[in-house]
Amino acid sequence: MRAGQLEIFAPRFEAADAALVERISTVTPALVGVSGGTAALRLCRKLQERGLKTQLHLTSDLTPDAASSCVDDAVAAGVTSFLVLDASAPSGDASTAVLDLVRLVKSKGGSLSVAVCGTTEKTDAAYDRKLAAVREQVQAGADPVIAGPVLSAEAFAAYESEVCAAGVTCAVTPSVLPLH
């Protein structure tokens, strides 16, 4: 039985892929999310060869041409799930770039899924704007919203309530940090 989702960074060097794929195969997660640019796509291919479902992470700092090419290559490799990450600095705002990536992925095929990230942290004045951006991303086809990292159940419950009040109708799931 497969359970849970594993998030990893692809090794920089291809020689390290085999050992990582072997270890992940023994855990058999339901989904393996992979970050790391071109190395991530390489690793997604290898994980899928072992029968594991993968999710390719895309960052909002990709140019439109690079993003389109990356999604095309991923779809050709059998990837059907994507997670769009905001690559801006904490004080920056890449919500438009995230929205454009959601639209791009959805334009490549209706069976493709795309998730977006939300934040439970109310540490800056942009929190309400970020809630509105998540609503727009969901309206463009994103599902689910991954809130993270979640440091307390109370913070997640409050965030989920606020996201729903902002008009988000899809699933909102918490992301937790690994236990040591």
C-alpha atoms as a PDB file:
ATOM      1  CA  MET A   1       0.000   0.000   0.000  1.00  0.00           C
ATOM      2  CA  ARG A   2       1.316   3.421  -0.926  1.00  0.00           C
ATOM      3  CA  ALA A   3       0.758   6.349   1.349  1.00  0.00           C
ATOM      4  CA  GLY A   4       1.972   9.887   1.679  1.00  0.00           C
ATOM      5  CA  GLN A   5       3.938  12.161  -0.560  1.00  0.00           C
ATOM      6  CA  LEU A   6       7.684  12.492  -0.580  1.00  0.00           C
ATOM      7  CA  GLU A   7       9.353  15.761  -1.615  1.00  0.00           C
ATOM      8  CA  ILE A   8      12.950  15.599  -2.828  1.00  0.00           C
ATOM      9  CA  PHE A   9      15.610  17.622  -4.594  1.00  0.00           C
ATOM     10  CA  ALA A  10      17.137  15.838  -7.579  1.00  0.00           C
ATOM     11  CA  PRO A  11      20.840  15.102  -7.263  1.00  0.00           C
ATOM     12  CA  ARG A  12      23.009  17.440  -9.243  1.00  0.00           C
ATOM     13  CA  PHE A  13      24.984  14.565 -10.705  1.00  0.00           C
ATOM     14  CA  GLU A  14      23.300  11.730 -12.567  1.00  0.00           C
ATOM     15  CA  ALA A  15      25.598   9.174 -10.932  1.00  0.00           C
ATOM     16  CA  ALA A  16      23.699   9.664  -7.654  1.00  0.00           C
ATOM     17  CA  ASP A  17      20.286   8.952  -9.202  1.00  0.00           C
ATOM     18  CA  ALA A  18      20.408   5.143  -8.985  1.00  0.00           C
ATOM     19  CA  ALA A  19      20.971   5.021  -5.232  1.00  0.00           C
ATOM     20  CA  LEU A  20      18.256   7.604  -4.592  1.00  0.00           C
ATOM     21  CA  VAL A  21      15.737   5.818  -6.828  1.00  0.00           C
ATOM     22  CA  GLU A  22      16.494   2.547  -5.043  1.00  0.00           C
ATOM     23  CA  ARG A  23      15.904   4.063  -1.591  1.00  0.00           C
ATOM     24  CA  ILE A  24      12.692   5.799  -2.659  1.00  0.00           C
ATOM     25  CA  SER A  25      11.420   2.574  -4.231  1.00  0.00           C
ATOM     26  CA  THR A  26      11.606   0.840  -0.852  1.00  0.00           C
ATOM     27  CA  VAL A  27       9.375   3.505   0.738  1.00  0.00           C
ATOM     28  CA  THR A  28       6.783   3.394  -2.091  1.00  0.00           C
ATOM     29  CA  PRO A  29       5.161   6.795  -1.592  1.00  0.00           C
ATOM     30  CA  ALA A  30       1.915   7.572  -3.414  1.00  0.00           C
ATOM     31  CA  LEU A  31       3.610  10.551  -5.073  1.00  0.00           C
ATOM     32  CA  VAL A  32       7.192  11.809  -5.356  1.00  0.00           C
ATOM     33  CA  GLY A  33       7.524  15.568  -5.834  1.00  0.00           C
ATOM     34  CA  VAL A  34      10.832  16.486  -7.445  1.00  0.00           C
ATOM     35  CA  SER A  35      12.582  19.868  -7.497  1.00  0.00           C
ATOM     36  CA  GLY A  36      15.827  20.665  -9.243  1.00  0.00           C
ATOM     37  CA  GLY A  37      15.491  21.992 -12.783  1.00  0.00           C
ATOM     38  CA  THR A  38      16.617  19.698 -15.589  1.00  0.00           C
ATOM     39  CA  ALA A  39      17.904  17.175 -13.055  1.00  0.00           C
ATOM     40  CA  ALA A  40      14.349  16.931 -11.689  1.00  0.00           C
ATOM     41  CA  LEU A  41      12.951  15.856 -15.038  1.00  0.00           C
ATOM     42  CA  ARG A  42      15.753  13.315 -15.407  1.00  0.00           C
ATOM     43  CA  LEU A  43      14.921  11.873 -11.990  1.00  0.00           C
ATOM     44  CA  CYS A  44      11.160  11.879 -12.689  1.00  0.00           C
ATOM     45  CA  ARG A  45      11.789   9.655 -15.714  1.00  0.00           C
ATOM     46  CA  LYS A  46      13.800   7.185 -13.632  1.00  0.00           C
ATOM     47  CA  LEU A  47      11.252   7.085 -10.815  1.00  0.00           C
ATOM     48  CA  GLN A  48       8.430   6.478 -13.286  1.00  0.00           C
ATOM     49  CA  GLU A  49      10.393   3.579 -14.779  1.00  0.00           C
ATOM     50  CA  ARG A  50      10.169   2.027 -11.290  1.00  0.00           C
ATOM     51  CA  GLY A  51       6.395   2.487 -11.255  1.00  0.00           C
ATOM     52  CA  LEU A  52       6.317   5.563  -9.014  1.00  0.00           C
ATOM     53  CA  LYS A  53       4.039   8.518  -9.725  1.00  0.00           C
ATOM     54  CA  THR A  54       5.929  11.805  -9.899  1.00  0.00           C
ATOM     55  CA  GLN A  55       5.142  15.489  -9.612  1.00  0.00           C
ATOM     56  CA  LEU A  56       7.508  17.948 -11.283  1.00  0.00           C
ATOM     57  CA  HIS A  57       8.068  21.226  -9.473  1.00  0.00           C
ATOM     58  CA  LEU A  58       8.106  24.359 -11.627  1.00  0.00           C
ATOM     59  CA  THR A  59       9.349  27.699 -10.350  1.00  0.00           C
ATOM     60  CA  SER A  60       7.849  31.058 -11.186  1.00  0.00           C
ATOM     61  CA  ASP A  61      11.212  32.427 -12.333  1.00  0.00           C
ATOM     62  CA  LEU A  62      11.112  30.383 -15.567  1.00  0.00           C
ATOM     63  CA  THR A  63      10.803  32.385 -18.758  1.00  0.00           C
ATOM     64  CA  PRO A  64       7.635  31.638 -20.742  1.00  0.00           C
ATOM     65  CA  ASP A  65       9.624  29.779 -23.427  1.00  0.00           C
ATOM     66  CA  ALA A  66      11.594  27.751 -20.880  1.00  0.00           C
ATOM     67  CA  ALA A  67       8.422  26.902 -18.962  1.00  0.00           C
ATOM     68  CA  SER A  68       6.603  25.769 -22.100  1.00  0.00           C
ATOM     69  CA  SER A  69       9.541  23.629 -23.181  1.00  0.00           C
ATOM     70  CA  CYS A  70       9.887  22.120 -19.701  1.00  0.00           C
ATOM     71  CA  VAL A  71       6.190  21.216 -19.516  1.00  0.00           C
ATOM     72  CA  ASP A  72       6.280  19.744 -23.032  1.00  0.00           C
ATOM     73  CA  ASP A  73       9.332  17.615 -22.152  1.00  0.00           C
ATOM     74  CA  ALA A  74       7.721  16.489 -18.897  1.00  0.00           C
ATOM     75  CA  VAL A  75       4.452  15.517 -20.590  1.00  0.00           C
ATOM     76  CA  ALA A  76       6.411  13.612 -23.250  1.00  0.00           C
ATOM     77  CA  ALA A  77       8.140  11.751 -20.397  1.00  0.00           C
ATOM     78  CA  GLY A  78       4.787  10.818 -18.859  1.00  0.00           C
ATOM     79  CA  VAL A  79       4.614  13.398 -16.062  1.00  0.00           C
ATOM     80  CA  THR A  80       1.000  14.434 -15.445  1.00  0.00           C
ATOM     81  CA  SER A  81       1.321  16.277 -12.135  1.00  0.00           C
ATOM     82  CA  PHE A  82       2.991  19.628 -11.481  1.00  0.00           C
ATOM     83  CA  LEU A  83       3.537  21.867  -8.466  1.00  0.00           C
ATOM     84  CA  VAL A  84       4.124  25.565  -9.153  1.00  0.00           C
ATOM     85  CA  LEU A  85       6.392  27.251  -6.629  1.00  0.00           C
ATOM     86  CA  ASP A  86       6.778  30.986  -6.077  1.00  0.00           C
ATOM     87  CA  ALA A  87      10.483  31.659  -6.629  1.00  0.00           C
ATOM     88  CA  SER A  88      10.363  35.295  -5.562  1.00  0.00           C
ATOM     89  CA  ALA A  89      12.126  36.594  -2.519  1.00  0.00           C
ATOM     90  CA  PRO A  90       9.904  36.661   0.589  1.00  0.00           C
ATOM     91  CA  SER A  91       9.264  40.364   0.058  1.00  0.00           C
ATOM     92  CA  GLY A  92       8.627  39.913  -3.659  1.00  0.00           C
ATOM     93  CA  ASP A  93       5.465  38.919  -5.486  1.00  0.00           C
ATOM     94  CA  ALA A  94       5.446  36.369  -8.265  1.00  0.00           C
ATOM     95  CA  SER A  95       1.707  35.713  -8.141  1.00  0.00           C
ATOM     96  CA  THR A  96       1.283  36.736 -11.786  1.00  0.00           C
ATOM     97  CA  ALA A  97       4.077  34.380 -12.872  1.00  0.00           C
ATOM     98  CA  VAL A  98       2.533  31.546 -10.820  1.00  0.00           C
ATOM     99  CA  LEU A  99      -0.854  32.224 -12.402  1.00  0.00           C
ATOM    100  CA  ASP A 100       0.731  32.190 -15.870  1.00  0.00           C
ATOM    101  CA  LEU A 101       2.372  28.818 -15.129  1.00  0.00           C
ATOM    102  CA  VAL A 102      -0.936  27.345 -13.915  1.00  0.00           C
ATOM    103  CA  ARG A 103      -2.576  28.499 -17.144  1.00  0.00           C
ATOM    104  CA  LEU A 104       0.306  27.121 -19.206  1.00  0.00           C
ATOM    105  CA  VAL A 105       0.107  23.662 -17.632  1.00  0.00           C
ATOM    106  CA  LYS A 106      -3.679  23.519 -18.002  1.00  0.00           C
ATOM    107  CA  SER A 107      -3.376  24.599 -21.655  1.00  0.00           C
ATOM    108  CA  LYS A 108      -1.195  21.554 -22.372  1.00  0.00           C
ATOM    109  CA  GLY A 109      -3.960  19.081 -21.554  1.00  0.00           C
ATOM    110  CA  GLY A 110      -7.033  18.683 -19.423  1.00  0.00           C
ATOM    111  CA  SER A 111      -5.721  15.560 -17.709  1.00  0.00           C
ATOM    112  CA  LEU A 112      -2.707  17.400 -16.285  1.00  0.00           C
ATOM    113  CA  SER A 113      -2.919  18.378 -12.632  1.00  0.00           C
ATOM    114  CA  VAL A 114      -1.267  21.437 -11.161  1.00  0.00           C
ATOM    115  CA  ALA A 115      -0.982  22.328  -7.488  1.00  0.00           C
ATOM    116  CA  VAL A 116       0.004  25.678  -5.999  1.00  0.00           C
ATOM    117  CA  CYS A 117       1.414  26.704  -2.649  1.00  0.00           C
ATOM    118  CA  GLY A 118      -0.112  28.857   0.015  1.00  0.00           C
ATOM    119  CA  THR A 119       1.363  30.220   3.192  1.00  0.00           C
ATOM    120  CA  THR A 120      -0.056  30.022   6.683  1.00  0.00           C
ATOM    121  CA  GLU A 121       2.335  32.714   7.866  1.00  0.00           C
ATOM    122  CA  LYS A 122       0.709  36.097   8.439  1.00  0.00           C
ATOM    123  CA  THR A 123       4.036  37.839   8.823  1.00  0.00           C
ATOM    124  CA  ASP A 124       3.718  40.425   6.101  1.00  0.00           C
ATOM    125  CA  ALA A 125       1.285  42.996   4.796  1.00  0.00           C
ATOM    126  CA  ALA A 126       0.855  41.005   1.576  1.00  0.00           C
ATOM    127  CA  TYR A 127      -1.105  38.163   3.216  1.00  0.00           C
ATOM    128  CA  ASP A 128      -4.513  39.270   1.900  1.00  0.00           C
ATOM    129  CA  ARG A 129      -3.046  39.770  -1.571  1.00  0.00           C
ATOM    130  CA  LYS A 130      -1.567  36.258  -1.411  1.00  0.00           C
ATOM    131  CA  LEU A 131      -4.988  34.825  -0.493  1.00  0.00           C
ATOM    132  CA  ALA A 132      -6.513  36.572  -3.514  1.00  0.00           C
ATOM    133  CA  ALA A 133      -3.695  35.250  -5.732  1.00  0.00           C
ATOM    134  CA  VAL A 134      -4.353  31.670  -4.581  1.00  0.00           C
ATOM    135  CA  ARG A 135      -8.046  32.136  -5.403  1.00  0.00           C
ATOM    136  CA  GLU A 136      -7.117  33.291  -8.933  1.00  0.00           C
ATOM    137  CA  GLN A 137      -4.738  30.347  -9.361  1.00  0.00           C
ATOM    138  CA  VAL A 138      -7.483  27.900  -8.372  1.00  0.00           C
ATOM    139  CA  GLN A 139      -9.932  29.603 -10.722  1.00  0.00           C
ATOM    140  CA  ALA A 140      -7.346  29.051 -13.487  1.00  0.00           C
ATOM    141  CA  GLY A 141      -7.306  25.312 -12.748  1.00  0.00           C
ATOM    142  CA  ALA A 142      -4.959  24.697  -9.829  1.00  0.00           C
ATOM    143  CA  ASP A 143      -6.030  21.930  -7.439  1.00  0.00           C
ATOM    144  CA  PRO A 144      -4.995  21.418  -4.648  1.00  0.00           C
ATOM    145  CA  VAL A 145      -3.486  24.234  -2.623  1.00  0.00           C
ATOM    146  CA  ILE A 146      -0.596  22.995  -0.516  1.00  0.00           C
ATOM    147  CA  ALA A 147      -0.136  25.060   2.627  1.00  0.00           C
ATOM    148  CA  GLY A 148       3.270  24.897   4.041  1.00  0.00           C
ATOM    149  CA  PRO A 149       5.209  24.460   5.946  1.00  0.00           C
ATOM    150  CA  VAL A 150       2.560  24.002   8.606  1.00  0.00           C
ATOM    151  CA  LEU A 151       3.988  24.415  12.069  1.00  0.00           C
ATOM    152  CA  SER A 152       0.745  24.059  14.042  1.00  0.00           C
ATOM    153  CA  ALA A 153      -2.684  22.552  13.530  1.00  0.00           C
ATOM    154  CA  GLU A 154      -4.266  25.817  14.646  1.00  0.00           C
ATOM    155  CA  ALA A 155      -2.404  27.857  12.019  1.00  0.00           C
ATOM    156  CA  PHE A 156      -3.452  25.417   9.307  1.00  0.00           C
ATOM    157  CA  ALA A 157      -7.098  25.415  10.407  1.00  0.00           C
ATOM    158  CA  ALA A 158      -7.131  29.224  10.384  1.00  0.00           C
ATOM    159  CA  TYR A 159      -5.495  29.329   6.940  1.00  0.00           C
ATOM    160  CA  GLU A 160      -7.886  26.764   5.499  1.00  0.00           C
ATOM    161  CA  SER A 161     -10.838  28.771   6.832  1.00  0.00           C
ATOM    162  CA  GLU A 162      -9.479  32.026   5.380  1.00  0.00           C
ATOM    163  CA  VAL A 163      -8.741  30.461   1.993  1.00  0.00           C
ATOM    164  CA  CYS A 164     -12.263  29.046   1.813  1.00  0.00           C
ATOM    165  CA  ALA A 165     -13.703  32.428   2.833  1.00  0.00           C
ATOM    166  CA  ALA A 166     -11.665  33.985   0.003  1.00  0.00           C
ATOM    167  CA  GLY A 167     -13.493  31.740  -2.474  1.00  0.00           C
ATOM    168  CA  VAL A 168     -11.169  28.756  -2.879  1.00  0.00           C
ATOM    169  CA  THR A 169     -13.239  25.619  -3.399  1.00  0.00           C
ATOM    170  CA  CYS A 170     -10.574  22.923  -3.937  1.00  0.00           C
ATOM    171  CA  ALA A 171      -8.711  20.854  -1.372  1.00  0.00           C
ATOM    172  CA  VAL A 172      -6.227  22.614   0.883  1.00  0.00           C
ATOM    173  CA  THR A 173      -3.597  20.242   2.231  1.00  0.00           C
ATOM    174  CA  PRO A 174      -0.907  20.834   4.850  1.00  0.00           C
ATOM    175  CA  SER A 175       2.776  20.324   4.209  1.00  0.00           C
ATOM    176  CA  VAL A 176       4.771  19.303   7.240  1.00  0.00           C
ATOM    177  CA  LEU A 177       8.487  19.247   7.835  1.00  0.00           C
ATOM    178  CA  PRO A 178      10.051  15.802   8.288  1.00  0.00           C
ATOM    179  CA  LEU A 179      10.575  14.497  11.781  1.00  0.00           C
ATOM    180  CA  HIS A 180      14.104  13.682  12.866  1.00  0.00           C
END
